[in-house]
């Protein structure tokens, strides 16, 4: 699969994942905590793998090398 997440986008996704996980651990309870964990997981995976499935149908790429 072609990489479509650039380095700036990647760092932003990882930072969002860390913030969402911290909020899920400290502040949120119940359904909000579950939503934050899901957001954290999605952001972390797409940041590490550098492929965003939502970018594919719209042919969006923040990766300068593609």
C-alpha atoms as a PDB file:
ATOM      1  CA  UNK A   1       0.000   0.000   0.000  1.00  0.00           C
ATOM      2  CA  UNK A   2       1.250   3.480  -0.870  1.00  0.00           C
ATOM      3  CA  UNK A   3       2.222   5.706   2.052  1.00  0.00           C
ATOM      4  CA  UNK A   4      -0.068   8.742   2.234  1.00  0.00           C
ATOM      5  CA  UNK A   5       0.778  10.259   5.641  1.00  0.00           C
ATOM      6  CA  UNK A   6       3.643  12.742   5.683  1.00  0.00           C
ATOM      7  CA  UNK A   7       6.017  13.427   8.560  1.00  0.00           C
ATOM      8  CA  UNK A   8       4.175  16.485   9.955  1.00  0.00           C
ATOM      9  CA  UNK A   9       0.828  14.691   9.706  1.00  0.00           C
ATOM     10  CA  UNK A  10       2.422  11.668  11.370  1.00  0.00           C
ATOM     11  CA  UNK A  11       3.710  13.673  14.356  1.00  0.00           C
ATOM     12  CA  UNK A  12       0.347  15.405  14.808  1.00  0.00           C
ATOM     13  CA  UNK A  13      -1.430  12.033  14.812  1.00  0.00           C
ATOM     14  CA  UNK A  14       0.948  10.600  17.410  1.00  0.00           C
ATOM     15  CA  UNK A  15       0.581  13.671  19.647  1.00  0.00           C
ATOM     16  CA  UNK A  16      -3.220  13.442  19.386  1.00  0.00           C
ATOM     17  CA  UNK A  17      -3.021   9.748  20.278  1.00  0.00           C
ATOM     18  CA  UNK A  18      -0.961  10.476  23.396  1.00  0.00           C
ATOM     19  CA  UNK A  19      -3.280  13.296  24.492  1.00  0.00           C
ATOM     20  CA  UNK A  20      -6.392  11.158  23.938  1.00  0.00           C
ATOM     21  CA  UNK A  21      -4.875   8.287  25.940  1.00  0.00           C
ATOM     22  CA  UNK A  22      -3.930  10.602  28.815  1.00  0.00           C
ATOM     23  CA  UNK A  23      -7.434  12.069  28.869  1.00  0.00           C
ATOM     24  CA  UNK A  24      -8.966   8.578  28.783  1.00  0.00           C
ATOM     25  CA  UNK A  25      -6.852   7.563  31.771  1.00  0.00           C
ATOM     26  CA  UNK A  26      -7.287  10.656  33.896  1.00  0.00           C
ATOM     27  CA  UNK A  27     -10.437  12.621  33.115  1.00  0.00           C
ATOM     28  CA  UNK A  28     -12.927  10.602  31.098  1.00  0.00           C
ATOM     29  CA  UNK A  29     -15.255   7.928  32.382  1.00  0.00           C
ATOM     30  CA  UNK A  30     -17.651   5.533  30.693  1.00  0.00           C
ATOM     31  CA  UNK A  31     -18.450   5.979  27.012  1.00  0.00           C
ATOM     32  CA  UNK A  32     -16.206   9.028  26.617  1.00  0.00           C
ATOM     33  CA  UNK A  33     -13.204   7.040  27.819  1.00  0.00           C
ATOM     34  CA  UNK A  34     -13.968   4.292  25.290  1.00  0.00           C
ATOM     35  CA  UNK A  35     -14.260   6.842  22.467  1.00  0.00           C
ATOM     36  CA  UNK A  36     -10.954   8.436  23.492  1.00  0.00           C
ATOM     37  CA  UNK A  37      -9.220   5.029  23.529  1.00  0.00           C
ATOM     38  CA  UNK A  38     -10.558   4.301  20.038  1.00  0.00           C
ATOM     39  CA  UNK A  39      -9.372   7.695  18.767  1.00  0.00           C
ATOM     40  CA  UNK A  40      -5.970   7.129  20.379  1.00  0.00           C
ATOM     41  CA  UNK A  41      -5.638   3.677  18.799  1.00  0.00           C
ATOM     42  CA  UNK A  42      -6.633   4.848  15.314  1.00  0.00           C
ATOM     43  CA  UNK A  43      -4.339   7.870  15.432  1.00  0.00           C
ATOM     44  CA  UNK A  44      -1.412   5.842  16.723  1.00  0.00           C
ATOM     45  CA  UNK A  45      -1.805   3.073  14.136  1.00  0.00           C
ATOM     46  CA  UNK A  46      -2.184   5.466  11.200  1.00  0.00           C
ATOM     47  CA  UNK A  47       0.757   7.507  12.465  1.00  0.00           C
ATOM     48  CA  UNK A  48       3.037   4.499  12.826  1.00  0.00           C
ATOM     49  CA  UNK A  49       1.972   2.694   9.634  1.00  0.00           C
ATOM     50  CA  UNK A  50       1.817   5.990   7.665  1.00  0.00           C
ATOM     51  CA  UNK A  51      -1.315   4.944   5.771  1.00  0.00           C
ATOM     52  CA  UNK A  52      -4.691   6.571   6.380  1.00  0.00           C
ATOM     53  CA  UNK A  53      -7.586   4.596   4.884  1.00  0.00           C
ATOM     54  CA  UNK A  54      -9.804   7.704   4.853  1.00  0.00           C
ATOM     55  CA  UNK A  55      -7.331   9.480   2.580  1.00  0.00           C
ATOM     56  CA  UNK A  56      -7.482   6.719  -0.064  1.00  0.00           C
ATOM     57  CA  UNK A  57     -10.950   7.321  -1.638  1.00  0.00           C
ATOM     58  CA  UNK A  58     -10.290  11.076  -1.794  1.00  0.00           C
ATOM     59  CA  UNK A  59      -6.773  10.596  -3.235  1.00  0.00           C
ATOM     60  CA  UNK A  60      -5.300  12.776  -0.457  1.00  0.00           C
ATOM     61  CA  UNK A  61      -1.639  12.472   0.415  1.00  0.00           C
ATOM     62  CA  UNK A  62       0.430  14.545   2.831  1.00  0.00           C
ATOM     63  CA  UNK A  63       3.504  12.490   1.992  1.00  0.00           C
ATOM     64  CA  UNK A  64       5.886  14.590  -0.110  1.00  0.00           C
ATOM     65  CA  UNK A  65       7.570  11.493  -1.590  1.00  0.00           C
ATOM     66  CA  UNK A  66       4.471  10.112  -3.298  1.00  0.00           C
END
